[in-house]
Amino acid sequence: SSCSCSWCPFSKMLLTVASTSVRASGPRMAVGTPTITAPGAPTARDEAMFMADPRGFCAARISEVGPVFATGAFGGAVFVGGAEAVESVCAAGTPIASGGQRQPLELAPFAPLLASAGGDWRGAYESLCAAGFHEELYAGLFAWVPKFKETGGFSTFRFEDFIDPRVRKALPGARRLLFRATAPALLGSTLEALPPREGLSTVREWGKAYAALASDRLAPASRLSLLGQAAGLSLPARLPGLGGGGGGEKGALLAAALGEGRLADALDAVEPTAALVTSMLAMAERQGGWSARLAAEQKAALTGAGPEAPIDAAVLDEMPLLHAFALETLRTQPPTRPQRLRLERDTAAGGVSLPAGTVVAAEPFVGHFLPADYASPDSFDPERFLGAGGGPPPSLGLCGPAGEAGEASRQLALAVAKATFVQLRRMFEIGVALDAPPPGGYPLHALPDSVDLKAVANMYYELQRGAAKTSSGLFYEKD
């Protein structure tokens, strides 16, 4: 496997450092205490190398020592992949709490809903829908349709009149949309009905404040800085700090208004789901054949349903191609990762003996790319999930519990992501630049905030909105 950051002058050097350190170490090296051993050669640079390029870092280690290996990352964690190995460490370990204030991307997406539904993801999804998910999702997307604005002649033009309002930032837009749609269930109120505060009195202001806060709190370090740090260069690095930035004044107001508990619930649910949705939209653009197949399947599944009809679990069940496409996106572009574990007893994982006390990280960029589980693991191929023998469903791409323990939360997050994807493509023709950079970052692995999405409304929704074109061009009022 090769590093995905071939554009960077440090990438080949970093993989050489990784490979050399593994070869020079001998077969095993202590991690954490003299009694804890695992294959590999931990170094002080591992954490920065991993954050800069998780796929390249893991691929280099797998090729040398296999899918269970020691690292110097995260306090000397042993990275683990493979379904049987993951289940072994999950059975023997307990999650490592962050200590102090709860951090975002720590618990499973929609954990409170799932707990209320007794662990039944379908029941939790029904509860989400009953609270107003579809109505708020539709209202949020309807506001994306530009509204025709009368003009009084050239002298009234402003600079923004010449900006195409159908173009918006993909990830920030998805964040705002899903924050609004999930608010009734997660916050107990629509954004519109939340008690107003100075600077937070409209749906638009609440959404912008959330997007700014999420982007700031989960912003990764500069990739160049991480690569330089890993190579031992003296470059300034802003290391990722969960719970660090506050999104400015509006973000601070939002945190104060919601409280850290409800805010963390929103971040755990919205961030991985928004990242998955935007990655699905980008992959649909790149995979033209799959985009056409998904459109045909969606049209058949929605036949007879009104343009504003909810997308419930029964409708999603009629779209197996969409489910396979979502799984393959989750496998190849995992938004987050499960909680790290500390082993409570000795156990074996992937043929490696791990004693009690070992810190273990079930890592998607290990487990989701093993040739033993997935033929041509670097290829994007949703067909693998349409028949038997194509590999296990990806179980490490979301926060919360790993393996079977997290299956219900994964299914719930997938249902929300698929419903959002379908509603977007029902209302708009979606375009994402083919040359957009791939997902990246840590702790959230997502499209960069700078990537644009163009949403051209279908005629029904344009007519409902009062959108129009003139012979002189586009004159829209953008909400």
Protein backbone atom coordinates (compact mmCIF):
# COMPACT_ATOMS: atom_id res chain seq x y z
CA SER A 1 0.00 0.00 0.00
CA SER A 2 1.16 3.55 -0.63
CA CYS A 3 0.75 6.76 1.29
CA SER A 4 -2.14 8.93 0.15
CA CYS A 5 -0.24 12.18 0.66
CA SER A 6 2.04 11.91 -2.35
CA TRP A 7 1.76 15.66 -2.87
CA CYS A 8 3.74 16.28 0.28
CA PRO A 9 7.57 16.33 0.37
CA PHE A 10 7.56 14.61 3.75
CA SER A 11 5.36 11.62 2.89
CA LYS A 12 7.95 9.24 1.43
CA MET A 13 10.41 10.17 4.15
CA LEU A 14 7.84 9.41 6.86
CA LEU A 15 7.00 5.99 5.52
CA THR A 16 10.71 5.26 5.24
CA VAL A 17 11.13 6.29 8.90
CA ALA A 18 8.23 4.01 9.86
CA SER A 19 9.51 1.04 7.87
CA THR A 20 13.10 1.46 9.05
CA SER A 21 12.10 1.71 12.70
CA VAL A 22 10.02 -1.47 12.43
CA ARG A 23 12.80 -3.45 10.79
CA ALA A 24 15.43 -2.23 13.23
CA SER A 25 13.45 -3.06 16.32
CA GLY A 26 13.48 -6.81 16.31
CA PRO A 27 10.28 -8.85 16.58
CA ARG A 28 8.80 -7.27 19.73
CA MET A 29 9.09 -4.14 21.77
CA ALA A 30 7.71 -3.19 25.15
CA VAL A 31 4.74 -0.83 25.34
CA GLY A 32 3.77 1.02 28.51
CA THR A 33 5.41 -1.42 30.98
CA PRO A 34 8.15 -4.06 30.64
CA THR A 35 5.54 -6.84 30.72
CA ILE A 36 3.41 -5.49 27.82
CA THR A 37 4.64 -6.66 24.44
CA ALA A 38 3.29 -6.46 20.90
CA PRO A 39 4.83 -6.50 17.42
CA GLY A 40 6.19 -3.21 16.19
CA ALA A 41 8.51 -0.38 17.06
CA PRO A 42 6.84 2.52 18.89
CA THR A 43 8.41 5.93 18.44
CA ALA A 44 7.69 9.35 19.86
CA ARG A 45 6.70 10.48 16.35
CA ASP A 46 3.94 7.91 15.88
CA GLU A 47 1.05 10.08 17.05
CA ALA A 48 1.89 12.96 14.71
CA MET A 49 2.56 10.54 11.82
CA PHE A 50 -0.77 8.84 12.40
CA MET A 51 -2.76 12.07 12.62
CA ALA A 52 -1.13 13.41 9.45
CA ASP A 53 -1.90 10.31 7.38
CA PRO A 54 -3.74 7.53 9.23
CA ARG A 55 -4.11 5.30 6.18
CA GLY A 56 -0.45 5.55 5.18
CA PHE A 57 0.74 5.07 8.76
CA CYS A 58 -1.38 1.96 9.31
CA ALA A 59 -0.62 0.49 5.89
CA ALA A 60 3.12 0.70 6.54
CA ARG A 61 2.81 -1.05 9.90
CA ILE A 62 0.44 -3.74 8.61
CA SER A 63 2.81 -4.59 5.77
CA GLU A 64 5.65 -5.08 8.25
CA VAL A 65 4.12 -6.75 11.29
CA GLY A 66 0.42 -7.46 10.66
CA PRO A 67 -2.89 -6.06 11.90
CA VAL A 68 -1.99 -5.97 15.62
CA PHE A 69 0.95 -3.69 16.35
CA ALA A 70 2.44 -1.48 19.03
CA THR A 71 2.67 2.29 18.57
CA GLY A 72 3.91 5.30 20.46
CA ALA A 73 0.56 7.03 19.88
CA PHE A 74 -1.99 7.86 22.57
CA GLY A 75 0.09 6.72 25.50
CA GLY A 76 1.49 3.63 23.82
CA ALA A 77 -1.66 2.14 22.33
CA VAL A 78 -1.66 -1.19 20.52
CA PHE A 79 -3.60 -0.82 17.28
CA VAL A 80 -5.93 -3.71 16.47
CA GLY A 81 -7.89 -4.68 13.36
CA GLY A 82 -9.85 -7.69 12.19
CA ALA A 83 -13.28 -8.75 13.44
CA GLU A 84 -12.12 -11.58 15.73
CA ALA A 85 -9.28 -9.55 17.23
CA VAL A 86 -11.59 -6.58 17.87
CA GLU A 87 -14.19 -8.75 19.58
CA SER A 88 -11.48 -10.30 21.77
CA VAL A 89 -10.21 -6.96 23.06
CA CYS A 90 -13.75 -5.60 23.47
CA ALA A 91 -14.63 -8.57 25.65
CA ALA A 92 -11.52 -8.09 27.78
CA GLY A 93 -11.37 -4.29 27.97
CA THR A 94 -13.23 -1.28 29.26
CA PRO A 95 -13.41 2.16 27.60
CA ILE A 96 -10.88 4.71 28.76
CA ALA A 97 -12.77 7.74 29.99
CA SER A 98 -11.38 11.12 29.01
CA GLY A 99 -11.46 12.30 32.61
CA GLY A 100 -12.96 15.60 33.65
CA GLN A 101 -15.19 17.25 31.06
CA ARG A 102 -16.70 14.90 28.52
CA GLN A 103 -15.08 15.23 25.14
CA PRO A 104 -16.87 15.29 21.76
CA LEU A 105 -16.75 12.15 19.62
CA GLU A 106 -16.48 10.03 22.75
CA LEU A 107 -19.89 8.35 23.00
CA ALA A 108 -21.89 6.67 20.25
CA PRO A 109 -23.96 8.81 17.86
CA PHE A 110 -27.49 9.35 19.19
CA ALA A 111 -26.64 7.51 22.42
CA PRO A 112 -29.51 9.11 24.44
CA LEU A 113 -32.10 8.11 21.81
CA LEU A 114 -30.75 4.59 21.64
CA ALA A 115 -30.82 4.24 25.41
CA SER A 116 -34.43 5.44 25.53
CA ALA A 117 -35.34 2.86 22.89
CA GLY A 118 -33.74 0.03 24.84
CA GLY A 119 -30.95 -0.40 22.30
CA ASP A 120 -33.36 -0.88 19.37
CA TRP A 121 -32.07 1.30 16.52
CA ARG A 122 -35.35 1.12 14.59
CA GLY A 123 -37.25 2.29 17.64
CA ALA A 124 -34.73 5.09 18.14
CA TYR A 125 -35.06 6.14 14.48
CA GLU A 126 -38.86 6.16 14.80
CA SER A 127 -38.49 8.34 17.90
CA LEU A 128 -36.21 10.71 16.01
CA CYS A 129 -38.72 10.95 13.17
CA ALA A 130 -41.68 11.42 15.52
CA ALA A 131 -39.87 14.34 17.18
CA GLY A 132 -39.75 16.19 13.86
CA PHE A 133 -36.58 15.05 12.08
CA HIS A 134 -38.10 14.96 8.60
CA GLU A 135 -40.01 18.21 8.96
CA GLU A 136 -36.91 20.08 10.12
CA LEU A 137 -34.73 18.39 7.49
CA TYR A 138 -37.14 19.45 4.77
CA ALA A 139 -37.42 22.99 6.14
CA GLY A 140 -33.65 23.30 6.31
CA LEU A 141 -33.18 22.08 2.76
CA PHE A 142 -36.06 24.18 1.46
CA ALA A 143 -34.17 27.23 2.73
CA TRP A 144 -31.32 26.16 0.41
CA VAL A 145 -33.54 26.92 -2.59
CA PRO A 146 -32.72 30.54 -3.53
CA LYS A 147 -35.70 32.86 -3.55
CA PHE A 148 -36.32 35.23 -6.44
CA LYS A 149 -35.60 38.83 -5.52
CA GLU A 150 -36.96 41.78 -7.44
CA THR A 151 -34.33 44.32 -8.46
CA GLY A 152 -34.75 47.92 -9.44
CA GLY A 153 -32.03 48.15 -12.05
CA PHE A 154 -28.28 47.92 -12.32
CA SER A 155 -27.72 50.67 -9.74
CA THR A 156 -29.19 48.42 -7.04
CA PHE A 157 -26.78 45.55 -7.66
CA ARG A 158 -24.52 44.49 -4.84
CA PHE A 159 -21.48 42.26 -4.96
CA GLU A 160 -23.43 39.34 -3.49
CA ASP A 161 -25.91 39.55 -6.36
CA PHE A 162 -23.24 37.99 -8.57
CA ILE A 163 -22.44 35.09 -6.23
CA ASP A 164 -24.29 31.90 -7.15
CA PRO A 165 -26.39 31.19 -4.04
CA ARG A 166 -26.76 27.56 -5.04
CA VAL A 167 -23.14 26.99 -3.99
CA ARG A 168 -22.34 26.46 -0.32
CA LYS A 169 -19.67 24.81 1.79
CA ALA A 170 -20.44 21.10 1.94
CA LEU A 171 -19.48 20.12 5.49
CA PRO A 172 -20.54 23.34 7.26
CA GLY A 173 -23.85 23.18 5.36
CA ALA A 174 -24.41 19.56 6.39
CA ARG A 175 -23.55 20.42 9.98
CA ARG A 176 -26.13 23.18 10.14
CA LEU A 177 -28.74 21.02 8.42
CA LEU A 178 -28.34 18.01 10.71
CA PHE A 179 -28.06 20.15 13.84
CA ARG A 180 -31.43 21.62 12.96
CA ALA A 181 -33.03 18.30 12.01
CA THR A 182 -31.89 16.42 15.12
CA ALA A 183 -32.48 19.27 17.60
CA PRO A 184 -36.06 18.25 18.51
CA ALA A 185 -34.87 14.81 19.61
CA LEU A 186 -31.45 15.69 21.05
CA LEU A 187 -32.18 19.11 22.54
CA GLY A 188 -35.89 18.66 23.26
CA SER A 189 -36.90 21.59 21.07
CA THR A 190 -36.68 22.90 17.56
CA LEU A 191 -34.06 25.59 17.11
CA GLU A 192 -36.84 28.08 16.43
CA ALA A 193 -38.41 27.36 19.83
CA LEU A 194 -35.21 27.53 21.89
CA PRO A 195 -35.19 30.43 24.36
CA PRO A 196 -33.62 33.35 22.47
CA ARG A 197 -30.37 34.88 23.58
CA GLU A 198 -28.53 37.88 22.30
CA GLY A 199 -27.08 36.80 18.95
CA LEU A 200 -28.97 33.48 19.07
CA SER A 201 -32.58 34.20 18.23
CA THR A 202 -33.13 32.67 14.77
CA VAL A 203 -32.63 29.24 13.25
CA ARG A 204 -29.92 30.70 11.04
CA GLU A 205 -28.01 32.12 14.02
CA TRP A 206 -28.21 28.89 16.02
CA GLY A 207 -27.01 26.89 13.01
CA LYS A 208 -24.11 29.21 12.20
CA ALA A 209 -22.99 29.22 15.83
CA TYR A 210 -23.03 25.43 15.95
CA ALA A 211 -21.10 25.05 12.69
CA ALA A 212 -18.45 27.51 13.87
CA LEU A 213 -18.09 25.81 17.24
CA ALA A 214 -17.88 22.31 15.74
CA SER A 215 -15.33 23.37 13.16
CA ASP A 216 -13.18 25.03 15.80
CA ARG A 217 -13.37 22.29 18.42
CA LEU A 218 -12.64 19.51 15.95
CA ALA A 219 -10.20 21.36 13.71
CA PRO A 220 -7.14 19.22 13.05
CA ALA A 221 -3.61 20.40 13.30
CA SER A 222 -2.10 21.62 10.06
CA ARG A 223 -1.17 18.52 8.08
CA LEU A 224 2.11 20.13 7.10
CA SER A 225 2.85 20.89 10.75
CA LEU A 226 2.16 17.31 11.79
CA LEU A 227 4.34 15.93 9.02
CA GLY A 228 7.12 18.31 9.97
CA GLN A 229 6.81 17.35 13.63
CA ALA A 230 6.92 13.66 12.74
CA ALA A 231 10.04 14.24 10.67
CA GLY A 232 11.68 16.07 13.56
CA LEU A 233 11.51 19.51 11.95
CA SER A 234 10.93 22.68 13.94
CA LEU A 235 7.61 23.70 12.44
CA PRO A 236 4.89 25.29 14.59
CA ALA A 237 2.08 22.80 15.14
CA ARG A 238 -1.43 23.40 16.39
CA LEU A 239 -2.19 19.99 17.77
CA PRO A 240 -5.82 18.87 17.76
CA GLY A 241 -7.41 19.64 21.08
CA LEU A 242 -10.81 18.13 21.67
CA GLY A 243 -12.85 20.67 23.53
CA GLY A 244 -10.20 23.27 22.81
CA GLY A 245 -11.60 26.01 20.59
CA GLY A 246 -14.97 27.47 21.26
CA GLY A 247 -16.07 28.83 17.91
CA GLY A 248 -15.70 32.45 18.95
CA GLU A 249 -18.26 34.54 20.77
CA LYS A 250 -21.26 32.82 19.16
CA GLY A 251 -19.82 29.40 19.99
CA ALA A 252 -19.40 30.40 23.62
CA LEU A 253 -23.03 31.61 23.68
CA LEU A 254 -24.15 28.31 22.19
CA ALA A 255 -22.21 26.25 24.73
CA ALA A 256 -23.66 28.33 27.56
CA ALA A 257 -27.20 28.04 26.18
CA LEU A 258 -27.14 24.28 25.66
CA GLY A 259 -24.80 23.16 28.41
CA GLU A 260 -21.82 20.92 27.71
CA GLY A 261 -23.83 17.72 28.07
CA ARG A 262 -26.41 18.51 25.39
CA LEU A 263 -23.74 20.07 23.22
CA ALA A 264 -21.63 16.90 23.43
CA ASP A 265 -24.71 14.82 22.51
CA ALA A 266 -25.17 17.01 19.44
CA LEU A 267 -21.50 16.81 18.43
CA ASP A 268 -21.42 13.01 18.84
CA ALA A 269 -24.48 12.65 16.60
CA VAL A 270 -24.10 15.44 14.04
CA GLU A 271 -20.38 15.38 13.28
CA PRO A 272 -19.85 11.77 12.15
CA THR A 273 -23.21 11.78 10.35
CA ALA A 274 -22.48 15.04 8.51
CA ALA A 275 -19.02 13.76 7.56
CA LEU A 276 -20.52 10.51 6.24
CA VAL A 277 -23.23 12.29 4.24
CA THR A 278 -20.78 14.67 2.57
CA SER A 279 -18.39 11.81 1.78
CA MET A 280 -21.30 9.88 0.22
CA LEU A 281 -22.22 12.89 -1.93
CA ALA A 282 -18.61 13.28 -3.06
CA MET A 283 -18.27 9.56 -3.86
CA ALA A 284 -21.55 9.58 -5.80
CA GLU A 285 -20.12 12.40 -7.92
CA ARG A 286 -16.92 10.45 -8.57
CA GLN A 287 -18.70 7.14 -9.16
CA GLY A 288 -21.03 8.17 -11.99
CA GLY A 289 -22.33 4.66 -12.58
CA TRP A 290 -23.25 4.27 -8.96
CA SER A 291 -24.89 7.68 -8.88
CA ALA A 292 -27.21 6.62 -11.71
CA ARG A 293 -28.02 3.29 -10.02
CA LEU A 294 -28.80 5.04 -6.74
CA ALA A 295 -31.04 7.56 -8.51
CA ALA A 296 -33.01 4.77 -10.20
CA GLU A 297 -33.40 2.85 -6.96
CA GLN A 298 -34.49 6.00 -5.11
CA LYS A 299 -37.06 6.83 -7.77
CA ALA A 300 -38.56 3.33 -7.50
CA ALA A 301 -38.61 3.39 -3.70
CA LEU A 302 -40.31 6.80 -3.58
CA THR A 303 -42.89 6.06 -6.28
CA GLY A 304 -46.30 7.15 -5.01
CA ALA A 305 -44.84 9.23 -2.19
CA GLY A 306 -45.32 12.98 -2.17
CA PRO A 307 -42.31 15.26 -2.60
CA GLU A 308 -42.41 16.11 1.09
CA ALA A 309 -43.12 12.59 2.40
CA PRO A 310 -40.92 11.35 5.27
CA ILE A 311 -38.21 8.80 4.56
CA ASP A 312 -38.90 6.19 7.21
CA ALA A 313 -37.10 2.91 7.90
CA ALA A 314 -39.46 0.97 5.60
CA VAL A 315 -38.52 3.24 2.69
CA LEU A 316 -34.82 2.84 3.46
CA ASP A 317 -35.27 -0.95 3.48
CA GLU A 318 -36.32 -0.68 -0.18
CA MET A 319 -32.89 0.69 -1.12
CA PRO A 320 -30.26 -2.06 -0.71
CA LEU A 321 -27.93 -0.36 -3.20
CA LEU A 322 -27.93 2.75 -1.04
CA HIS A 323 -27.15 0.67 2.05
CA ALA A 324 -24.20 -0.99 0.32
CA PHE A 325 -22.97 2.39 -0.93
CA ALA A 326 -23.17 3.86 2.58
CA LEU A 327 -21.31 0.88 4.07
CA GLU A 328 -18.51 1.14 1.52
CA THR A 329 -18.20 4.87 2.16
CA LEU A 330 -18.05 4.19 5.90
CA ARG A 331 -15.41 1.51 5.29
CA THR A 332 -13.12 3.56 3.07
CA GLN A 333 -13.70 6.99 4.62
CA PRO A 334 -14.45 6.38 8.31
CA PRO A 335 -15.46 9.66 9.96
CA THR A 336 -14.35 8.75 13.49
CA ARG A 337 -13.17 5.74 15.49
CA PRO A 338 -14.25 3.83 18.62
CA GLN A 339 -13.14 4.62 22.13
CA ARG A 340 -9.78 3.24 23.17
CA LEU A 341 -9.84 0.41 25.70
CA ARG A 342 -7.74 -0.74 28.62
CA LEU A 343 -7.56 -4.52 28.98
CA GLU A 344 -8.82 -5.80 32.31
CA ARG A 345 -7.35 -9.25 31.77
CA ASP A 346 -4.83 -11.02 29.60
CA THR A 347 -6.16 -11.81 26.16
CA ALA A 348 -5.04 -12.82 22.68
CA ALA A 349 -5.85 -10.76 19.59
CA GLY A 350 -4.83 -11.76 16.09
CA GLY A 351 -2.40 -14.31 17.48
CA VAL A 352 -0.72 -11.74 19.74
CA SER A 353 -0.80 -12.09 23.52
CA LEU A 354 -1.76 -8.85 25.24
CA PRO A 355 -1.56 -8.64 29.04
CA ALA A 356 -3.93 -6.80 31.33
CA GLY A 357 -3.32 -3.07 31.38
CA THR A 358 -2.60 -2.77 27.66
CA VAL A 359 -4.15 0.27 25.99
CA VAL A 360 -5.85 -0.87 22.79
CA ALA A 361 -7.15 1.16 19.84
CA ALA A 362 -9.54 -0.61 17.46
CA GLU A 363 -8.54 1.37 14.38
CA PRO A 364 -10.66 1.60 11.19
CA PHE A 365 -7.62 2.26 9.00
CA VAL A 366 -6.41 -1.17 10.11
CA GLY A 367 -9.59 -3.22 10.31
CA HIS A 368 -11.32 -1.76 7.25
CA PHE A 369 -8.41 -2.41 4.91
CA LEU A 370 -7.33 -5.98 5.61
CA PRO A 371 -7.00 -8.09 2.43
CA ALA A 372 -8.05 -11.13 4.45
CA ASP A 373 -11.46 -9.52 4.96
CA TYR A 374 -11.88 -7.37 1.84
CA ALA A 375 -10.74 -8.20 -1.68
CA SER A 376 -8.87 -5.21 -3.16
CA PRO A 377 -9.39 -3.21 0.05
CA ASP A 378 -8.15 0.06 -1.47
CA SER A 379 -10.83 -0.06 -4.18
CA PHE A 380 -14.23 1.58 -3.68
CA ASP A 381 -16.64 -1.27 -4.46
CA PRO A 382 -20.10 -1.27 -2.82
CA GLU A 383 -20.88 -4.54 -4.62
CA ARG A 384 -18.91 -6.31 -1.88
CA PHE A 385 -21.83 -5.70 0.50
CA LEU A 386 -24.58 -6.89 -1.85
CA GLY A 387 -23.84 -10.60 -1.64
CA ALA A 388 -22.33 -13.18 0.65
CA GLY A 389 -18.59 -13.36 1.12
CA GLY A 390 -17.80 -9.72 0.40
CA GLY A 391 -16.45 -8.99 3.87
CA PRO A 392 -17.92 -8.06 7.24
CA PRO A 393 -19.79 -4.76 7.61
CA PRO A 394 -17.36 -2.04 8.69
CA SER A 395 -17.55 -1.86 12.47
CA LEU A 396 -14.90 0.71 13.40
CA GLY A 397 -15.86 3.89 11.57
CA LEU A 398 -17.90 5.65 14.25
CA CYS A 399 -17.34 6.79 17.81
CA GLY A 400 -18.65 4.79 20.76
CA PRO A 401 -18.24 1.04 21.29
CA ALA A 402 -16.34 -1.04 18.74
CA GLY A 403 -17.47 -4.31 17.21
CA GLU A 404 -20.83 -5.89 17.93
CA ALA A 405 -21.46 -3.65 20.95
CA GLY A 406 -21.71 -0.65 18.65
CA GLU A 407 -23.84 -2.23 15.93
CA ALA A 408 -27.13 -0.58 16.96
CA SER A 409 -25.61 2.91 17.06
CA ARG A 410 -23.99 2.35 13.65
CA GLN A 411 -27.29 1.27 12.12
CA LEU A 412 -29.02 4.33 13.57
CA ALA A 413 -26.34 6.73 12.28
CA LEU A 414 -26.45 5.02 8.89
CA ALA A 415 -30.24 5.41 8.75
CA VAL A 416 -29.98 9.15 9.48
CA ALA A 417 -27.18 9.57 6.92
CA LYS A 418 -29.08 7.64 4.24
CA ALA A 419 -32.32 9.57 4.84
CA THR A 420 -30.43 12.86 4.59
CA PHE A 421 -28.66 11.72 1.41
CA VAL A 422 -31.97 10.68 -0.18
CA GLN A 423 -33.72 13.92 0.76
CA LEU A 424 -30.84 15.97 -0.64
CA ARG A 425 -30.92 14.09 -3.95
CA ARG A 426 -34.71 14.19 -4.04
CA MET A 427 -34.77 17.97 -3.83
CA PHE A 428 -31.57 18.90 -5.66
CA GLU A 429 -29.11 17.95 -8.31
CA ILE A 430 -25.96 17.81 -6.22
CA GLY A 431 -22.51 18.59 -7.53
CA VAL A 432 -19.18 18.27 -5.72
CA ALA A 433 -15.95 19.17 -7.51
CA LEU A 434 -14.23 16.08 -8.86
CA ASP A 435 -10.87 17.52 -7.85
CA ALA A 436 -11.96 18.19 -4.26
CA PRO A 437 -9.40 16.93 -1.74
CA PRO A 438 -10.29 13.64 -0.03
CA PRO A 439 -11.44 13.45 3.58
CA GLY A 440 -8.75 13.99 6.17
CA GLY A 441 -8.14 15.23 9.68
CA TYR A 442 -8.18 13.93 13.20
CA PRO A 443 -10.28 13.34 15.29
CA LEU A 444 -12.95 13.96 12.63
CA HIS A 445 -12.01 12.47 9.26
CA ALA A 446 -14.08 14.53 6.82
CA LEU A 447 -14.02 16.68 3.72
CA PRO A 448 -12.26 19.97 4.43
CA ASP A 449 -14.56 22.85 5.34
CA SER A 450 -13.46 24.62 2.15
CA VAL A 451 -14.99 22.08 -0.26
CA ASP A 452 -17.98 23.50 -2.15
CA LEU A 453 -21.27 21.79 -2.93
CA LYS A 454 -23.63 23.02 -5.64
CA ALA A 455 -27.30 22.27 -5.04
CA VAL A 456 -29.57 23.00 -8.02
CA ALA A 457 -33.18 22.69 -6.90
CA ASN A 458 -35.62 20.49 -8.78
CA MET A 459 -38.50 22.35 -10.40
CA TYR A 460 -41.19 21.46 -7.86
CA TYR A 461 -39.22 22.98 -5.01
CA GLU A 462 -38.21 26.03 -7.05
CA LEU A 463 -41.88 26.73 -7.78
CA GLN A 464 -42.80 26.28 -4.14
CA ARG A 465 -40.03 28.65 -3.13
CA GLY A 466 -40.76 31.28 -5.73
CA ALA A 467 -37.36 30.98 -7.38
CA ALA A 468 -36.91 32.26 -10.90
CA LYS A 469 -34.37 33.21 -13.54
CA THR A 470 -34.26 36.34 -15.62
CA SER A 471 -32.75 36.98 -19.03
CA SER A 472 -30.04 39.03 -17.34
CA GLY A 473 -28.93 36.23 -15.06
CA LEU A 474 -29.69 35.02 -11.55
CA PHE A 475 -31.12 37.37 -8.97
CA TYR A 476 -31.80 35.49 -5.79
CA GLU A 477 -32.40 36.18 -2.16
CA LYS A 478 -30.49 33.63 -0.11
CA ASP A 479 -31.68 32.69 3.36
